[in-house]
Amino acid sequence: MTNEALFWLLAMVAGLLLGVVFFAGLWWTIQKGLTAKHPALWFLGSIVVRTAIVLVGFYLVSDGRWERMGACLVGFVLARFIVMRHRRAKAIQSA
């Protein structure tokens, strides 16, 4: 495996982690926001923090190379499907 391929793989794993943080954070925000006294603050604060984490993460992972950014994006999108499937499975088990 070449060094560049290793960087792509690491970028994809980083994207997975960033996606899990983003989408699990979204799920957590929805759970807290629905019962919060000031839900707008929860939702606004959450989107700002989650977006900042993801943008900084993508910037650091890409290191100015679009290929790494693409690999990170693929991992991020995969994380969305993983988190959605996990949450659906949890909802079915608790029903």
PDB file of N, CA and C in Angstrom:
ATOM      1  N   MET A   1       0.854  -1.181   0.000  1.00  0.00           N
ATOM      2  CA  MET A   1       0.000   0.000   0.000  1.00  0.00           C
ATOM      3  C   MET A   1       0.896   1.239   0.000  1.00  0.00           C
ATOM      4  N   THR A   2       0.621   2.149  -0.908  1.00  0.00           N
ATOM      5  CA  THR A   2       1.420   3.365  -0.987  1.00  0.00           C
ATOM      6  C   THR A   2       1.074   4.306   0.154  1.00  0.00           C
ATOM      7  N   ASN A   3       1.953   5.255   0.369  1.00  0.00           N
ATOM      8  CA  ASN A   3       1.706   6.234   1.427  1.00  0.00           C
ATOM      9  C   ASN A   3       0.427   7.022   1.171  1.00  0.00           C
ATOM     10  N   GLU A   4       0.202   7.388  -0.085  1.00  0.00           N
ATOM     11  CA  GLU A   4      -0.999   8.180  -0.398  1.00  0.00           C
ATOM     12  C   GLU A   4      -2.266   7.369  -0.154  1.00  0.00           C
ATOM     13  N   ALA A   5      -2.250   6.093  -0.507  1.00  0.00           N
ATOM     14  CA  ALA A   5      -3.415   5.240  -0.248  1.00  0.00           C
ATOM     15  C   ALA A   5      -3.661   5.111   1.254  1.00  0.00           C
ATOM     16  N   LEU A   6      -2.595   5.050   2.023  1.00  0.00           N
ATOM     17  CA  LEU A   6      -2.740   4.990   3.481  1.00  0.00           C
ATOM     18  C   LEU A   6      -3.371   6.279   3.997  1.00  0.00           C
ATOM     19  N   PHE A   7      -2.956   7.417   3.456  1.00  0.00           N
ATOM     20  CA  PHE A   7      -3.546   8.692   3.859  1.00  0.00           C
ATOM     21  C   PHE A   7      -5.031   8.743   3.488  1.00  0.00           C
ATOM     22  N   TRP A   8      -5.403   8.190   2.339  1.00  0.00           N
ATOM     23  CA  TRP A   8      -6.814   8.157   1.942  1.00  0.00           C
ATOM     24  C   TRP A   8      -7.616   7.306   2.918  1.00  0.00           C
ATOM     25  N   LEU A   9      -7.059   6.166   3.286  1.00  0.00           N
ATOM     26  CA  LEU A   9      -7.743   5.289   4.243  1.00  0.00           C
ATOM     27  C   LEU A   9      -7.902   5.977   5.595  1.00  0.00           C
ATOM     28  N   LEU A  10      -6.849   6.629   6.054  1.00  0.00           N
ATOM     29  CA  LEU A  10      -6.923   7.358   7.320  1.00  0.00           C
ATOM     30  C   LEU A  10      -7.917   8.519   7.237  1.00  0.00           C
ATOM     31  N   ALA A  11      -7.957   9.172   6.077  1.00  0.00           N
ATOM     32  CA  ALA A  11      -8.910  10.266   5.881  1.00  0.00           C
ATOM     33  C   ALA A  11     -10.338   9.736   5.931  1.00  0.00           C
ATOM     34  N   MET A  12     -10.577   8.555   5.360  1.00  0.00           N
ATOM     35  CA  MET A  12     -11.912   7.973   5.402  1.00  0.00           C
ATOM     36  C   MET A  12     -12.301   7.605   6.839  1.00  0.00           C
ATOM     37  N   VAL A  13     -11.374   7.052   7.582  1.00  0.00           N
ATOM     38  CA  VAL A  13     -11.642   6.718   8.987  1.00  0.00           C
ATOM     39  C   VAL A  13     -11.919   7.992   9.781  1.00  0.00           C
ATOM     40  N   ALA A  14     -11.152   9.043   9.523  1.00  0.00           N
ATOM     41  CA  ALA A  14     -11.401  10.323  10.192  1.00  0.00           C
ATOM     42  C   ALA A  14     -12.784  10.853   9.826  1.00  0.00           C
ATOM     43  N   GLY A  15     -13.180  10.708   8.569  1.00  0.00           N
ATOM     44  CA  GLY A  15     -14.522  11.125   8.153  1.00  0.00           C
ATOM     45  C   GLY A  15     -15.601  10.333   8.859  1.00  0.00           C
ATOM     46  N   LEU A  16     -15.367   9.035   9.030  1.00  0.00           N
ATOM     47  CA  LEU A  16     -16.314   8.208   9.791  1.00  0.00           C
ATOM     48  C   LEU A  16     -16.470   8.740  11.206  1.00  0.00           C
ATOM     49  N   LEU A  17     -15.355   9.032  11.849  1.00  0.00           N
ATOM     50  CA  LEU A  17     -15.406   9.543  13.220  1.00  0.00           C
ATOM     51  C   LEU A  17     -16.107  10.905  13.287  1.00  0.00           C
ATOM     52  N   LEU A  18     -15.779  11.772  12.344  1.00  0.00           N
ATOM     53  CA  LEU A  18     -16.444  13.081  12.309  1.00  0.00           C
ATOM     54  C   LEU A  18     -17.946  12.922  12.072  1.00  0.00           C
ATOM     55  N   GLY A  19     -18.308  12.006  11.196  1.00  0.00           N
ATOM     56  CA  GLY A  19     -19.724  11.770  10.929  1.00  0.00           C
ATOM     57  C   GLY A  19     -20.457  11.218  12.136  1.00  0.00           C
ATOM     58  N   VAL A  20     -19.823  10.311  12.842  1.00  0.00           N
ATOM     59  CA  VAL A  20     -20.452   9.761  14.053  1.00  0.00           C
ATOM     60  C   VAL A  20     -20.657  10.872  15.080  1.00  0.00           C
ATOM     61  N   VAL A  21     -19.649  11.725  15.257  1.00  0.00           N
ATOM     62  CA  VAL A  21     -19.788  12.847  16.188  1.00  0.00           C
ATOM     63  C   VAL A  21     -20.940  13.753  15.746  1.00  0.00           C
ATOM     64  N   PHE A  22     -20.999  14.070  14.456  1.00  0.00           N
ATOM     65  CA  PHE A  22     -22.015  14.986  13.946  1.00  0.00           C
ATOM     66  C   PHE A  22     -23.427  14.399  14.085  1.00  0.00           C
ATOM     67  N   PHE A  23     -23.620  13.183  13.580  1.00  0.00           N
ATOM     68  CA  PHE A  23     -24.973  12.632  13.539  1.00  0.00           C
ATOM     69  C   PHE A  23     -25.442  12.088  14.890  1.00  0.00           C
ATOM     70  N   ALA A  24     -24.538  11.548  15.677  1.00  0.00           N
ATOM     71  CA  ALA A  24     -24.915  11.150  17.037  1.00  0.00           C
ATOM     72  C   ALA A  24     -25.209  12.396  17.868  1.00  0.00           C
ATOM     73  N   GLY A  25     -24.440  13.464  17.627  1.00  0.00           N
ATOM     74  CA  GLY A  25     -24.719  14.733  18.299  1.00  0.00           C
ATOM     75  C   GLY A  25     -26.066  15.300  17.901  1.00  0.00           C
ATOM     76  N   LEU A  26     -26.436  15.142  16.646  1.00  0.00           N
ATOM     77  CA  LEU A  26     -27.759  15.575  16.195  1.00  0.00           C
ATOM     78  C   LEU A  26     -28.854  14.793  16.908  1.00  0.00           C
ATOM     79  N   TRP A  27     -28.693  13.484  16.988  1.00  0.00           N
ATOM     80  CA  TRP A  27     -29.686  12.656  17.674  1.00  0.00           C
ATOM     81  C   TRP A  27     -29.800  13.071  19.140  1.00  0.00           C
ATOM     82  N   TRP A  28     -28.661  13.265  19.786  1.00  0.00           N
ATOM     83  CA  TRP A  28     -28.652  13.660  21.197  1.00  0.00           C
ATOM     84  C   TRP A  28     -29.336  15.026  21.374  1.00  0.00           C
ATOM     85  N   THR A  29     -29.063  15.955  20.460  1.00  0.00           N
ATOM     86  CA  THR A  29     -29.671  17.288  20.520  1.00  0.00           C
ATOM     87  C   THR A  29     -31.185  17.205  20.387  1.00  0.00           C
ATOM     88  N   ILE A  30     -31.655  16.368  19.494  1.00  0.00           N
ATOM     89  CA  ILE A  30     -33.107  16.226  19.329  1.00  0.00           C
ATOM     90  C   ILE A  30     -33.734  15.687  20.608  1.00  0.00           C
ATOM     91  N   GLN A  31     -33.098  14.690  21.219  1.00  0.00           N
ATOM     92  CA  GLN A  31     -33.623  14.124  22.467  1.00  0.00           C
ATOM     93  C   GLN A  31     -33.675  15.181  23.572  1.00  0.00           C
ATOM     94  N   LYS A  32     -32.622  15.953  23.725  1.00  0.00           N
ATOM     95  CA  LYS A  32     -32.566  16.988  24.767  1.00  0.00           C
ATOM     96  C   LYS A  32     -33.433  18.186  24.407  1.00  0.00           C
ATOM     97  N   GLY A  33     -33.424  18.554  23.132  1.00  0.00           N
ATOM     98  CA  GLY A  33     -34.152  19.744  22.703  1.00  0.00           C
ATOM     99  C   GLY A  33     -35.654  19.616  22.832  1.00  0.00           C
ATOM    100  N   LEU A  34     -36.176  18.416  22.686  1.00  0.00           N
ATOM    101  CA  LEU A  34     -37.623  18.219  22.771  1.00  0.00           C
ATOM    102  C   LEU A  34     -38.159  18.443  24.176  1.00  0.00           C
ATOM    103  N   THR A  35     -37.317  18.255  25.173  1.00  0.00           N
ATOM    104  CA  THR A  35     -37.766  18.424  26.565  1.00  0.00           C
ATOM    105  C   THR A  35     -37.146  19.637  27.237  1.00  0.00           C
ATOM    106  N   ALA A  36     -36.353  20.407  26.513  1.00  0.00           N
ATOM    107  CA  ALA A  36     -35.648  21.547  27.097  1.00  0.00           C
ATOM    108  C   ALA A  36     -36.585  22.735  27.299  1.00  0.00           C
ATOM    109  N   LYS A  37     -36.223  23.560  28.261  1.00  0.00           N
ATOM    110  CA  LYS A  37     -36.993  24.775  28.511  1.00  0.00           C
ATOM    111  C   LYS A  37     -36.824  25.775  27.362  1.00  0.00           C
ATOM    112  N   HIS A  38     -35.621  25.820  26.781  1.00  0.00           N
ATOM    113  CA  HIS A  38     -35.323  26.712  25.648  1.00  0.00           C
ATOM    114  C   HIS A  38     -34.751  25.869  24.500  1.00  0.00           C
ATOM    115  N   PRO A  39     -35.620  25.177  23.763  1.00  0.00           N
ATOM    116  CA  PRO A  39     -35.126  24.273  22.720  1.00  0.00           C
ATOM    117  C   PRO A  39     -34.365  24.975  21.606  1.00  0.00           C
ATOM    118  N   ALA A  40     -34.717  26.205  21.295  1.00  0.00           N
ATOM    119  CA  ALA A  40     -34.021  26.920  20.219  1.00  0.00           C
ATOM    120  C   ALA A  40     -32.544  27.070  20.541  1.00  0.00           C
ATOM    121  N   LEU A  41     -32.203  27.294  21.797  1.00  0.00           N
ATOM    122  CA  LEU A  41     -30.802  27.414  22.191  1.00  0.00           C
ATOM    123  C   LEU A  41     -30.068  26.089  22.008  1.00  0.00           C
ATOM    124  N   TRP A  42     -30.739  24.996  22.341  1.00  0.00           N
ATOM    125  CA  TRP A  42     -30.136  23.673  22.152  1.00  0.00           C
ATOM    126  C   TRP A  42     -29.831  23.431  20.675  1.00  0.00           C
ATOM    127  N   PHE A  43     -30.826  23.669  19.831  1.00  0.00           N
ATOM    128  CA  PHE A  43     -30.654  23.393  18.408  1.00  0.00           C
ATOM    129  C   PHE A  43     -29.636  24.338  17.760  1.00  0.00           C
ATOM    130  N   LEU A  44     -29.687  25.613  18.091  1.00  0.00           N
ATOM    131  CA  LEU A  44     -28.747  26.574  17.524  1.00  0.00           C
ATOM    132  C   LEU A  44     -27.323  26.291  18.007  1.00  0.00           C
ATOM    133  N   GLY A  45     -27.171  26.096  19.302  1.00  0.00           N
ATOM    134  CA  GLY A  45     -25.844  25.801  19.844  1.00  0.00           C
ATOM    135  C   GLY A  45     -25.277  24.515  19.280  1.00  0.00           C
ATOM    136  N   SER A  46     -26.129  23.516  19.136  1.00  0.00           N
ATOM    137  CA  SER A  46     -25.684  22.230  18.631  1.00  0.00           C
ATOM    138  C   SER A  46     -25.193  22.318  17.192  1.00  0.00           C
ATOM    139  N   ILE A  47     -25.946  23.000  16.331  1.00  0.00           N
ATOM    140  CA  ILE A  47     -25.533  23.067  14.928  1.00  0.00           C
ATOM    141  C   ILE A  47     -24.241  23.859  14.782  1.00  0.00           C
ATOM    142  N   VAL A  48     -24.063  24.887  15.592  1.00  0.00           N
ATOM    143  CA  VAL A  48     -22.827  25.675  15.532  1.00  0.00           C
ATOM    144  C   VAL A  48     -21.635  24.822  15.968  1.00  0.00           C
ATOM    145  N   VAL A  49     -21.770  24.132  17.094  1.00  0.00           N
ATOM    146  CA  VAL A  49     -20.665  23.316  17.606  1.00  0.00           C
ATOM    147  C   VAL A  49     -20.374  22.139  16.674  1.00  0.00           C
ATOM    148  N   ARG A  50     -21.417  21.427  16.238  1.00  0.00           N
ATOM    149  CA  ARG A  50     -21.207  20.268  15.372  1.00  0.00           C
ATOM    150  C   ARG A  50     -20.590  20.671  14.037  1.00  0.00           C
ATOM    151  N   THR A  51     -21.064  21.760  13.455  1.00  0.00           N
ATOM    152  CA  THR A  51     -20.519  22.226  12.182  1.00  0.00           C
ATOM    153  C   THR A  51     -19.074  22.679  12.341  1.00  0.00           C
ATOM    154  N   ALA A  52     -18.764  23.380  13.420  1.00  0.00           N
ATOM    155  CA  ALA A  52     -17.396  23.826  13.651  1.00  0.00           C
ATOM    156  C   ALA A  52     -16.448  22.638  13.784  1.00  0.00           C
ATOM    157  N   ILE A  53     -16.857  21.629  14.537  1.00  0.00           N
ATOM    158  CA  ILE A  53     -16.024  20.431  14.702  1.00  0.00           C
ATOM    159  C   ILE A  53     -15.764  19.777  13.352  1.00  0.00           C
ATOM    160  N   VAL A  54     -16.805  19.617  12.555  1.00  0.00           N
ATOM    161  CA  VAL A  54     -16.667  18.948  11.260  1.00  0.00           C
ATOM    162  C   VAL A  54     -15.818  19.780  10.299  1.00  0.00           C
ATOM    163  N   LEU A  55     -16.030  21.077  10.243  1.00  0.00           N
ATOM    164  CA  LEU A  55     -15.245  21.919   9.333  1.00  0.00           C
ATOM    165  C   LEU A  55     -13.766  21.921   9.695  1.00  0.00           C
ATOM    166  N   VAL A  56     -13.466  22.056  10.977  1.00  0.00           N
ATOM    167  CA  VAL A  56     -12.067  22.021  11.407  1.00  0.00           C
ATOM    168  C   VAL A  56     -11.468  20.643  11.117  1.00  0.00           C
ATOM    169  N   GLY A  57     -12.233  19.589  11.387  1.00  0.00           N
ATOM    170  CA  GLY A  57     -11.760  18.239  11.112  1.00  0.00           C
ATOM    171  C   GLY A  57     -11.465  18.022   9.643  1.00  0.00           C
ATOM    172  N   PHE A  58     -12.373  18.445   8.772  1.00  0.00           N
ATOM    173  CA  PHE A  58     -12.154  18.304   7.332  1.00  0.00           C
ATOM    174  C   PHE A  58     -10.937  19.103   6.882  1.00  0.00           C
ATOM    175  N   TYR A  59     -10.783  20.289   7.413  1.00  0.00           N
ATOM    176  CA  TYR A  59      -9.645  21.135   7.054  1.00  0.00           C
ATOM    177  C   TYR A  59      -8.330  20.468   7.440  1.00  0.00           C
ATOM    178  N   LEU A  60      -8.265  19.950   8.657  1.00  0.00           N
ATOM    179  CA  LEU A  60      -7.037  19.309   9.124  1.00  0.00           C
ATOM    180  C   LEU A  60      -6.742  18.012   8.371  1.00  0.00           C
ATOM    181  N   VAL A  61      -7.778  17.230   8.115  1.00  0.00           N
ATOM    182  CA  VAL A  61      -7.585  15.952   7.425  1.00  0.00           C
ATOM    183  C   VAL A  61      -7.152  16.172   5.979  1.00  0.00           C
ATOM    184  N   SER A  62      -7.753  17.127   5.304  1.00  0.00           N
ATOM    185  CA  SER A  62      -7.478  17.307   3.880  1.00  0.00           C
ATOM    186  C   SER A  62      -6.048  17.759   3.610  1.00  0.00           C
ATOM    187  N   ASP A  63      -5.488  18.578   4.483  1.00  0.00           N
ATOM    188  CA  ASP A  63      -4.129  19.087   4.302  1.00  0.00           C
ATOM    189  C   ASP A  63      -3.947  19.691   2.908  1.00  0.00           C
ATOM    190  N   GLY A  64      -5.007  20.320   2.410  1.00  0.00           N
ATOM    191  CA  GLY A  64      -4.943  20.991   1.118  1.00  0.00           C
ATOM    192  C   GLY A  64      -5.045  20.074  -0.090  1.00  0.00           C
ATOM    193  N   ARG A  65      -5.380  18.815   0.126  1.00  0.00           N
ATOM    194  CA  ARG A  65      -5.481  17.852  -0.984  1.00  0.00           C
ATOM    195  C   ARG A  65      -6.936  17.432  -1.153  1.00  0.00           C
ATOM    196  N   TRP A  66      -7.456  17.634  -2.355  1.00  0.00           N
ATOM    197  CA  TRP A  66      -8.877  17.350  -2.587  1.00  0.00           C
ATOM    198  C   TRP A  66      -9.167  15.858  -2.480  1.00  0.00           C
ATOM    199  N   GLU A  67      -8.204  14.999  -2.769  1.00  0.00           N
ATOM    200  CA  GLU A  67      -8.432  13.558  -2.690  1.00  0.00           C
ATOM    201  C   GLU A  67      -8.704  13.132  -1.246  1.00  0.00           C
ATOM    202  N   ARG A  68      -7.953  13.703  -0.325  1.00  0.00           N
ATOM    203  CA  ARG A  68      -8.167  13.395   1.096  1.00  0.00           C
ATOM    204  C   ARG A  68      -9.506  13.944   1.564  1.00  0.00           C
ATOM    205  N   MET A  69      -9.852  15.123   1.060  1.00  0.00           N
ATOM    206  CA  MET A  69     -11.156  15.702   1.406  1.00  0.00           C
ATOM    207  C   MET A  69     -12.271  14.794   0.911  1.00  0.00           C
ATOM    208  N   GLY A  70     -12.120  14.266  -0.292  1.00  0.00           N
ATOM    209  CA  GLY A  70     -13.129  13.354  -0.839  1.00  0.00           C
ATOM    210  C   GLY A  70     -13.234  12.080  -0.029  1.00  0.00           C
ATOM    211  N   ALA A  71     -12.099  11.522   0.365  1.00  0.00           N
ATOM    212  CA  ALA A  71     -12.118  10.305   1.184  1.00  0.00           C
ATOM    213  C   ALA A  71     -12.762  10.577   2.536  1.00  0.00           C
ATOM    214  N   CYS A  72     -12.478  11.734   3.104  1.00  0.00           N
ATOM    215  CA  CYS A  72     -13.084  12.112   4.381  1.00  0.00           C
ATOM    216  C   CYS A  72     -14.600  12.266   4.226  1.00  0.00           C
ATOM    217  N   LEU A  73     -15.019  12.850   3.123  1.00  0.00           N
ATOM    218  CA  LEU A  73     -16.443  13.015   2.853  1.00  0.00           C
ATOM    219  C   LEU A  73     -17.144  11.665   2.699  1.00  0.00           C
ATOM    220  N   VAL A  74     -16.492  10.724   2.026  1.00  0.00           N
ATOM    221  CA  VAL A  74     -17.071   9.381   1.882  1.00  0.00           C
ATOM    222  C   VAL A  74     -17.271   8.756   3.260  1.00  0.00           C
ATOM    223  N   GLY A  75     -16.272   8.862   4.125  1.00  0.00           N
ATOM    224  CA  GLY A  75     -16.405   8.341   5.481  1.00  0.00           C
ATOM    225  C   GLY A  75     -17.515   9.033   6.254  1.00  0.00           C
ATOM    226  N   PHE A  76     -17.636  10.338   6.075  1.00  0.00           N
ATOM    227  CA  PHE A  76     -18.678  11.119   6.758  1.00  0.00           C
ATOM    228  C   PHE A  76     -20.071  10.634   6.352  1.00  0.00           C
ATOM    229  N   VAL A  77     -20.267  10.435   5.054  1.00  0.00           N
ATOM    230  CA  VAL A  77     -21.569   9.974   4.551  1.00  0.00           C
ATOM    231  C   VAL A  77     -21.853   8.544   5.024  1.00  0.00           C
ATOM    232  N   LEU A  78     -20.834   7.692   5.014  1.00  0.00           N
ATOM    233  CA  LEU A  78     -21.015   6.332   5.530  1.00  0.00           C
ATOM    234  C   LEU A  78     -21.441   6.348   6.995  1.00  0.00           C
ATOM    235  N   ALA A  79     -20.872   7.266   7.754  1.00  0.00           N
ATOM    236  CA  ALA A  79     -21.228   7.375   9.170  1.00  0.00           C
ATOM    237  C   ALA A  79     -22.704   7.714   9.334  1.00  0.00           C
ATOM    238  N   ARG A  80     -23.240   8.505   8.432  1.00  0.00           N
ATOM    239  CA  ARG A  80     -24.668   8.841   8.510  1.00  0.00           C
ATOM    240  C   ARG A  80     -25.511   7.576   8.436  1.00  0.00           C
ATOM    241  N   PHE A  81     -25.187   6.708   7.491  1.00  0.00           N
ATOM    242  CA  PHE A  81     -25.946   5.468   7.350  1.00  0.00           C
ATOM    243  C   PHE A  81     -25.746   4.545   8.546  1.00  0.00           C
ATOM    244  N   ILE A  82     -24.551   4.506   9.073  1.00  0.00           N
ATOM    245  CA  ILE A  82     -24.279   3.668  10.250  1.00  0.00           C
ATOM    246  C   ILE A  82     -25.068   4.156  11.454  1.00  0.00           C
ATOM    247  N   VAL A  83     -25.038   5.456  11.710  1.00  0.00           N
ATOM    248  CA  VAL A  83     -25.766   6.008  12.858  1.00  0.00           C
ATOM    249  C   VAL A  83     -27.268   5.819  12.681  1.00  0.00           C
ATOM    250  N   MET A  84     -27.777   6.047  11.469  1.00  0.00           N
ATOM    251  CA  MET A  84     -29.218   5.874  11.217  1.00  0.00           C
ATOM    252  C   MET A  84     -29.634   4.428  11.452  1.00  0.00           C
ATOM    253  N   ARG A  85     -28.856   3.483  10.954  1.00  0.00           N
ATOM    254  CA  ARG A  85     -29.180   2.068  11.132  1.00  0.00           C
ATOM    255  C   ARG A  85     -29.125   1.687  12.612  1.00  0.00           C
ATOM    256  N   HIS A  86     -28.125   2.186  13.321  1.00  0.00           N
ATOM    257  CA  HIS A  86     -27.994   1.898  14.749  1.00  0.00           C
ATOM    258  C   HIS A  86     -29.181   2.457  15.535  1.00  0.00           C
ATOM    259  N   ARG A  87     -29.585   3.686  15.236  1.00  0.00           N
ATOM    260  CA  ARG A  87     -30.717   4.300  15.948  1.00  0.00           C
ATOM    261  C   ARG A  87     -32.020   3.569  15.622  1.00  0.00           C
ATOM    262  N   ARG A  88     -32.192   3.160  14.371  1.00  0.00           N
ATOM    263  CA  ARG A  88     -33.384   2.414  13.990  1.00  0.00           C
ATOM    264  C   ARG A  88     -33.457   1.080  14.719  1.00  0.00           C
ATOM    265  N   ALA A  89     -32.334   0.397  14.809  1.00  0.00           N
ATOM    266  CA  ALA A  89     -32.290  -0.880  15.512  1.00  0.00           C
ATOM    267  C   ALA A  89     -32.622  -0.699  16.983  1.00  0.00           C
ATOM    268  N   LYS A  90     -32.111   0.355  17.594  1.00  0.00           N
ATOM    269  CA  LYS A  90     -32.425   0.647  18.996  1.00  0.00           C
ATOM    270  C   LYS A  90     -33.911   0.943  19.175  1.00  0.00           C
ATOM    271  N   ALA A  91     -34.500   1.687  18.227  1.00  0.00           N
ATOM    272  CA  ALA A  91     -35.923   2.025  18.316  1.00  0.00           C
ATOM    273  C   ALA A  91     -36.788   0.793  18.186  1.00  0.00           C
ATOM    274  N   ILE A  92     -36.400  -0.129  17.324  1.00  0.00           N
ATOM    275  CA  ILE A  92     -37.177  -1.369  17.136  1.00  0.00           C
ATOM    276  C   ILE A  92     -37.073  -2.227  18.380  1.00  0.00           C
ATOM    277  N   GLN A  93     -35.885  -2.303  18.990  1.00  0.00           N
ATOM    278  CA  GLN A  93     -35.712  -3.118  20.192  1.00  0.00           C
ATOM    279  C   GLN A  93     -36.519  -2.592  21.370  1.00  0.00           C
ATOM    280  N   SER A  94     -36.642  -1.262  21.477  1.00  0.00           N
ATOM    281  CA  SER A  94     -37.344  -0.691  22.611  1.00  0.00           C
ATOM    282  C   SER A  94     -38.849  -0.635  22.404  1.00  0.00           C
ATOM    283  N   ALA A  95     -39.310  -0.939  21.193  1.00  0.00           N
ATOM    284  CA  ALA A  95     -40.751  -0.884  20.919  1.00  0.00           C
ATOM    285  C   ALA A  95     -41.465  -2.149  21.379  1.00  0.00           C
TER     286      ALA A  95
END
